[in-house]
């Protein structure tokens, strides 16, 4: 899923921005994108691949992807629970640097992904956390480590146990 963060991250790189602008202005083939953007064919090809992976460009010849669904999400009001912009629905987008805010976000993830005082095998922990990390910049292994370090998951004997959240 293309997120606002993905758009900014991908287009922050000048070569990809030039290639995207060329596509938006009508260049469809690799040669056209290279000529319109002033890029070498190799650089234009790499940029087009990254733009396709990010969901900003589609098809062959290349054309801009429909970003209207993404634009619609930008007009939705952000909840006042402190989770935005780190959590969107059931996806973890990023983590704050501040320890207390990070803990709050991870407590939210733990409360939605796990049942307290229930044992889980590592494979199931990974599957549940991968679902939360899909489309974001974080990986499930890092999130699992944070959850263990914060005491939200306990590990022992090859199993993990979800801990009750503090009240």
C-alpha atoms as a PDB file:
ATOM      1  CA  UNK A   1       0.000   0.000   0.000  1.00  0.00           C
ATOM      2  CA  UNK A   2       1.276   3.426  -0.898  1.00  0.00           C
ATOM      3  CA  UNK A   3       1.398   5.734   2.095  1.00  0.00           C
ATOM      4  CA  UNK A   4       2.125   9.454   2.307  1.00  0.00           C
ATOM      5  CA  UNK A   5       5.410   8.532   3.969  1.00  0.00           C
ATOM      6  CA  UNK A   6       6.302   6.283   1.012  1.00  0.00           C
ATOM      7  CA  UNK A   7       5.578   9.066  -1.468  1.00  0.00           C
ATOM      8  CA  UNK A   8       7.764  11.528   0.411  1.00  0.00           C
ATOM      9  CA  UNK A   9      10.583   9.011   0.911  1.00  0.00           C
ATOM     10  CA  UNK A  10      10.632   7.925  -2.732  1.00  0.00           C
ATOM     11  CA  UNK A  11      10.328  11.398  -4.231  1.00  0.00           C
ATOM     12  CA  UNK A  12      12.891  12.908  -1.842  1.00  0.00           C
ATOM     13  CA  UNK A  13      15.587  11.397  -4.028  1.00  0.00           C
ATOM     14  CA  UNK A  14      16.233  13.867  -6.922  1.00  0.00           C
ATOM     15  CA  UNK A  15      16.766  11.244  -9.634  1.00  0.00           C
ATOM     16  CA  UNK A  16      13.447   9.529  -8.839  1.00  0.00           C
ATOM     17  CA  UNK A  17      11.693  12.895  -8.670  1.00  0.00           C
ATOM     18  CA  UNK A  18      12.989  13.803 -12.137  1.00  0.00           C
ATOM     19  CA  UNK A  19      11.918  10.431 -13.533  1.00  0.00           C
ATOM     20  CA  UNK A  20       8.470  10.741 -11.917  1.00  0.00           C
ATOM     21  CA  UNK A  21       8.051  14.243 -13.337  1.00  0.00           C
ATOM     22  CA  UNK A  22       8.927  12.903 -16.798  1.00  0.00           C
ATOM     23  CA  UNK A  23       6.267  10.180 -16.473  1.00  0.00           C
ATOM     24  CA  UNK A  24       3.657  12.677 -15.257  1.00  0.00           C
ATOM     25  CA  UNK A  25       4.457  14.889 -18.267  1.00  0.00           C
ATOM     26  CA  UNK A  26       3.875  11.992 -20.676  1.00  0.00           C
ATOM     27  CA  UNK A  27       7.108  10.035 -21.032  1.00  0.00           C
ATOM     28  CA  UNK A  28       6.243   6.336 -21.042  1.00  0.00           C
ATOM     29  CA  UNK A  29       9.190   4.351 -22.313  1.00  0.00           C
ATOM     30  CA  UNK A  30      12.570   4.120 -20.678  1.00  0.00           C
ATOM     31  CA  UNK A  31      14.126   6.081 -23.547  1.00  0.00           C
ATOM     32  CA  UNK A  32      11.461   8.799 -23.256  1.00  0.00           C
ATOM     33  CA  UNK A  33      11.922   9.078 -19.470  1.00  0.00           C
ATOM     34  CA  UNK A  34      15.705   9.283 -19.857  1.00  0.00           C
ATOM     35  CA  UNK A  35      15.439  11.965 -22.563  1.00  0.00           C
ATOM     36  CA  UNK A  36      12.773  14.027 -20.772  1.00  0.00           C
ATOM     37  CA  UNK A  37      14.541  13.918 -17.414  1.00  0.00           C
ATOM     38  CA  UNK A  38      18.113  14.278 -18.656  1.00  0.00           C
ATOM     39  CA  UNK A  39      19.062  11.048 -16.885  1.00  0.00           C
ATOM     40  CA  UNK A  40      21.244   8.224 -18.121  1.00  0.00           C
ATOM     41  CA  UNK A  41      19.177   5.222 -19.240  1.00  0.00           C
ATOM     42  CA  UNK A  42      20.528   3.107 -16.365  1.00  0.00           C
ATOM     43  CA  UNK A  43      19.565   5.746 -13.766  1.00  0.00           C
ATOM     44  CA  UNK A  44      16.153   6.251 -15.363  1.00  0.00           C
ATOM     45  CA  UNK A  45      15.558   2.481 -15.328  1.00  0.00           C
ATOM     46  CA  UNK A  46      16.477   2.203 -11.650  1.00  0.00           C
ATOM     47  CA  UNK A  47      14.259   5.176 -10.807  1.00  0.00           C
ATOM     48  CA  UNK A  48      11.306   3.691 -12.724  1.00  0.00           C
ATOM     49  CA  UNK A  49      11.734   0.385 -10.899  1.00  0.00           C
ATOM     50  CA  UNK A  50      11.702   2.158  -7.507  1.00  0.00           C
ATOM     51  CA  UNK A  51       8.682   4.244  -8.527  1.00  0.00           C
ATOM     52  CA  UNK A  52       6.814   1.078  -9.561  1.00  0.00           C
ATOM     53  CA  UNK A  53       7.727  -0.681  -6.294  1.00  0.00           C
ATOM     54  CA  UNK A  54       6.404   2.304  -4.360  1.00  0.00           C
ATOM     55  CA  UNK A  55       3.140   2.270  -6.314  1.00  0.00           C
ATOM     56  CA  UNK A  56       3.652   5.683  -7.914  1.00  0.00           C
ATOM     57  CA  UNK A  57       4.059   4.424 -11.483  1.00  0.00           C
ATOM     58  CA  UNK A  58       2.349   1.525 -13.207  1.00  0.00           C
ATOM     59  CA  UNK A  59       2.105  -0.164 -16.575  1.00  0.00           C
ATOM     60  CA  UNK A  60       4.316  -0.426 -19.610  1.00  0.00           C
ATOM     61  CA  UNK A  61       4.577   2.145 -21.031  1.00  0.00           C
ATOM     62  CA  UNK A  62       4.846   3.836 -17.675  1.00  0.00           C
ATOM     63  CA  UNK A  63       2.043   6.066 -16.447  1.00  0.00           C
ATOM     64  CA  UNK A  64       1.317   7.674 -13.087  1.00  0.00           C
ATOM     65  CA  UNK A  65      -0.617   5.436 -10.699  1.00  0.00           C
ATOM     66  CA  UNK A  66      -4.032   6.497  -9.446  1.00  0.00           C
ATOM     67  CA  UNK A  67      -3.295   8.192  -6.125  1.00  0.00           C
ATOM     68  CA  UNK A  68      -6.866   9.348  -5.450  1.00  0.00           C
ATOM     69  CA  UNK A  69      -7.401   6.692  -2.721  1.00  0.00           C
ATOM     70  CA  UNK A  70      -4.228   7.924  -1.026  1.00  0.00           C
ATOM     71  CA  UNK A  71      -5.379  11.533  -1.297  1.00  0.00           C
ATOM     72  CA  UNK A  72      -8.703  10.577   0.310  1.00  0.00           C
ATOM     73  CA  UNK A  73      -6.878   9.228   3.369  1.00  0.00           C
ATOM     74  CA  UNK A  74      -5.176  12.582   3.829  1.00  0.00           C
ATOM     75  CA  UNK A  75      -8.483  14.321   4.383  1.00  0.00           C
ATOM     76  CA  UNK A  76      -9.503  11.945   7.190  1.00  0.00           C
ATOM     77  CA  UNK A  77      -9.136  13.518  10.598  1.00  0.00           C
ATOM     78  CA  UNK A  78      -6.281  12.206  12.703  1.00  0.00           C
ATOM     79  CA  UNK A  79      -7.345  10.582  15.984  1.00  0.00           C
ATOM     80  CA  UNK A  80      -6.400  12.433  19.153  1.00  0.00           C
ATOM     81  CA  UNK A  81      -5.124   9.270  20.870  1.00  0.00           C
ATOM     82  CA  UNK A  82      -1.469  10.076  20.198  1.00  0.00           C
ATOM     83  CA  UNK A  83      -1.027   7.154  17.800  1.00  0.00           C
ATOM     84  CA  UNK A  84      -0.926   9.275  14.645  1.00  0.00           C
ATOM     85  CA  UNK A  85       1.297   9.498  12.669  1.00  0.00           C
ATOM     86  CA  UNK A  86       2.889   6.288  13.947  1.00  0.00           C
ATOM     87  CA  UNK A  87      -0.068   3.932  13.520  1.00  0.00           C
ATOM     88  CA  UNK A  88      -2.545   3.926  10.676  1.00  0.00           C
ATOM     89  CA  UNK A  89      -5.368   1.425  11.168  1.00  0.00           C
ATOM     90  CA  UNK A  90      -3.639  -1.837  12.014  1.00  0.00           C
ATOM     91  CA  UNK A  91      -0.288  -0.878  10.480  1.00  0.00           C
ATOM     92  CA  UNK A  92       2.751   0.412  12.289  1.00  0.00           C
ATOM     93  CA  UNK A  93       4.212   3.193  10.153  1.00  0.00           C
ATOM     94  CA  UNK A  94       7.121   4.299  12.326  1.00  0.00           C
ATOM     95  CA  UNK A  95       8.191   4.649  15.948  1.00  0.00           C
ATOM     96  CA  UNK A  96       8.784   7.865  17.854  1.00  0.00           C
ATOM     97  CA  UNK A  97      12.214   8.552  19.299  1.00  0.00           C
ATOM     98  CA  UNK A  98      10.869   9.602  22.709  1.00  0.00           C
ATOM     99  CA  UNK A  99      10.816   6.589  25.033  1.00  0.00           C
ATOM    100  CA  UNK A 100       7.366   7.230  26.585  1.00  0.00           C
ATOM    101  CA  UNK A 101       5.676   7.766  23.215  1.00  0.00           C
ATOM    102  CA  UNK A 102       7.432   4.692  21.797  1.00  0.00           C
ATOM    103  CA  UNK A 103       6.187   2.624  24.749  1.00  0.00           C
ATOM    104  CA  UNK A 104       2.616   3.871  24.193  1.00  0.00           C
ATOM    105  CA  UNK A 105       2.731   2.874  20.516  1.00  0.00           C
ATOM    106  CA  UNK A 106       4.169  -0.562  21.336  1.00  0.00           C
ATOM    107  CA  UNK A 107       1.586  -1.115  24.077  1.00  0.00           C
ATOM    108  CA  UNK A 108      -1.090  -0.400  21.472  1.00  0.00           C
ATOM    109  CA  UNK A 109       0.433  -2.941  19.065  1.00  0.00           C
ATOM    110  CA  UNK A 110       0.774  -5.558  21.822  1.00  0.00           C
ATOM    111  CA  UNK A 111      -2.820  -5.045  22.969  1.00  0.00           C
ATOM    112  CA  UNK A 112      -4.131  -5.565  19.438  1.00  0.00           C
ATOM    113  CA  UNK A 113      -1.787  -8.372  18.361  1.00  0.00           C
ATOM    114  CA  UNK A 114      -1.686 -10.592  21.460  1.00  0.00           C
ATOM    115  CA  UNK A 115      -3.909 -11.945  24.215  1.00  0.00           C
ATOM    116  CA  UNK A 116      -2.386 -11.330  27.672  1.00  0.00           C
ATOM    117  CA  UNK A 117      -0.924 -14.341  29.477  1.00  0.00           C
ATOM    118  CA  UNK A 118      -1.128 -16.454  26.344  1.00  0.00           C
ATOM    119  CA  UNK A 119       1.858 -18.420  25.062  1.00  0.00           C
ATOM    120  CA  UNK A 120       3.007 -18.069  21.481  1.00  0.00           C
ATOM    121  CA  UNK A 121       5.702 -19.780  19.449  1.00  0.00           C
ATOM    122  CA  UNK A 122       8.196 -17.455  17.798  1.00  0.00           C
ATOM    123  CA  UNK A 123       6.769 -18.222  14.363  1.00  0.00           C
ATOM    124  CA  UNK A 124       3.323 -16.970  15.416  1.00  0.00           C
ATOM    125  CA  UNK A 125       4.820 -13.868  17.071  1.00  0.00           C
ATOM    126  CA  UNK A 126       6.650 -13.129  13.824  1.00  0.00           C
ATOM    127  CA  UNK A 127       3.519 -13.604  11.692  1.00  0.00           C
ATOM    128  CA  UNK A 128       1.451 -11.297  13.878  1.00  0.00           C
ATOM    129  CA  UNK A 129       4.143  -8.613  13.906  1.00  0.00           C
ATOM    130  CA  UNK A 130       4.821  -8.915  10.162  1.00  0.00           C
ATOM    131  CA  UNK A 131       1.171  -8.017   9.590  1.00  0.00           C
ATOM    132  CA  UNK A 132       1.706  -4.848  11.640  1.00  0.00           C
ATOM    133  CA  UNK A 133       4.930  -3.956   9.807  1.00  0.00           C
ATOM    134  CA  UNK A 134       3.661  -4.583   6.271  1.00  0.00           C
ATOM    135  CA  UNK A 135       4.098  -1.414   4.221  1.00  0.00           C
ATOM    136  CA  UNK A 136       5.968   0.481   6.905  1.00  0.00           C
ATOM    137  CA  UNK A 137       9.627   1.141   7.463  1.00  0.00           C
ATOM    138  CA  UNK A 138       9.949  -1.171  10.474  1.00  0.00           C
ATOM    139  CA  UNK A 139      10.688  -4.866  10.591  1.00  0.00           C
ATOM    140  CA  UNK A 140       9.026  -7.431  12.830  1.00  0.00           C
ATOM    141  CA  UNK A 141      12.302  -8.537  14.427  1.00  0.00           C
ATOM    142  CA  UNK A 142      13.004  -5.025  15.725  1.00  0.00           C
ATOM    143  CA  UNK A 143       9.460  -4.698  17.056  1.00  0.00           C
ATOM    144  CA  UNK A 144       9.680  -8.107  18.757  1.00  0.00           C
ATOM    145  CA  UNK A 145      12.947  -7.053  20.449  1.00  0.00           C
ATOM    146  CA  UNK A 146      11.368  -3.792  21.667  1.00  0.00           C
ATOM    147  CA  UNK A 147       8.356  -5.678  23.031  1.00  0.00           C
ATOM    148  CA  UNK A 148      10.633  -8.051  24.949  1.00  0.00           C
ATOM    149  CA  UNK A 149      12.856  -5.209  26.203  1.00  0.00           C
ATOM    150  CA  UNK A 150       9.805  -3.312  27.474  1.00  0.00           C
ATOM    151  CA  UNK A 151       8.405  -6.389  29.201  1.00  0.00           C
ATOM    152  CA  UNK A 152       5.331  -6.527  26.976  1.00  0.00           C
ATOM    153  CA  UNK A 153       6.418  -9.994  25.824  1.00  0.00           C
ATOM    154  CA  UNK A 154       8.382 -12.430  27.946  1.00  0.00           C
ATOM    155  CA  UNK A 155      10.586 -15.026  26.313  1.00  0.00           C
ATOM    156  CA  UNK A 156      11.576 -18.371  27.789  1.00  0.00           C
ATOM    157  CA  UNK A 157      11.802 -22.016  26.866  1.00  0.00           C
ATOM    158  CA  UNK A 158      11.294 -21.301  23.180  1.00  0.00           C
ATOM    159  CA  UNK A 159       7.968 -19.596  23.840  1.00  0.00           C
ATOM    160  CA  UNK A 160       6.777 -16.036  24.250  1.00  0.00           C
ATOM    161  CA  UNK A 161       4.067 -14.932  26.638  1.00  0.00           C
ATOM    162  CA  UNK A 162       2.122 -11.742  26.197  1.00  0.00           C
ATOM    163  CA  UNK A 163       2.026  -9.758  29.423  1.00  0.00           C
ATOM    164  CA  UNK A 164      -0.929  -7.818  30.801  1.00  0.00           C
ATOM    165  CA  UNK A 165      -0.632  -4.111  30.091  1.00  0.00           C
ATOM    166  CA  UNK A 166      -0.182  -1.778  33.050  1.00  0.00           C
ATOM    167  CA  UNK A 167      -3.321   0.056  34.072  1.00  0.00           C
END
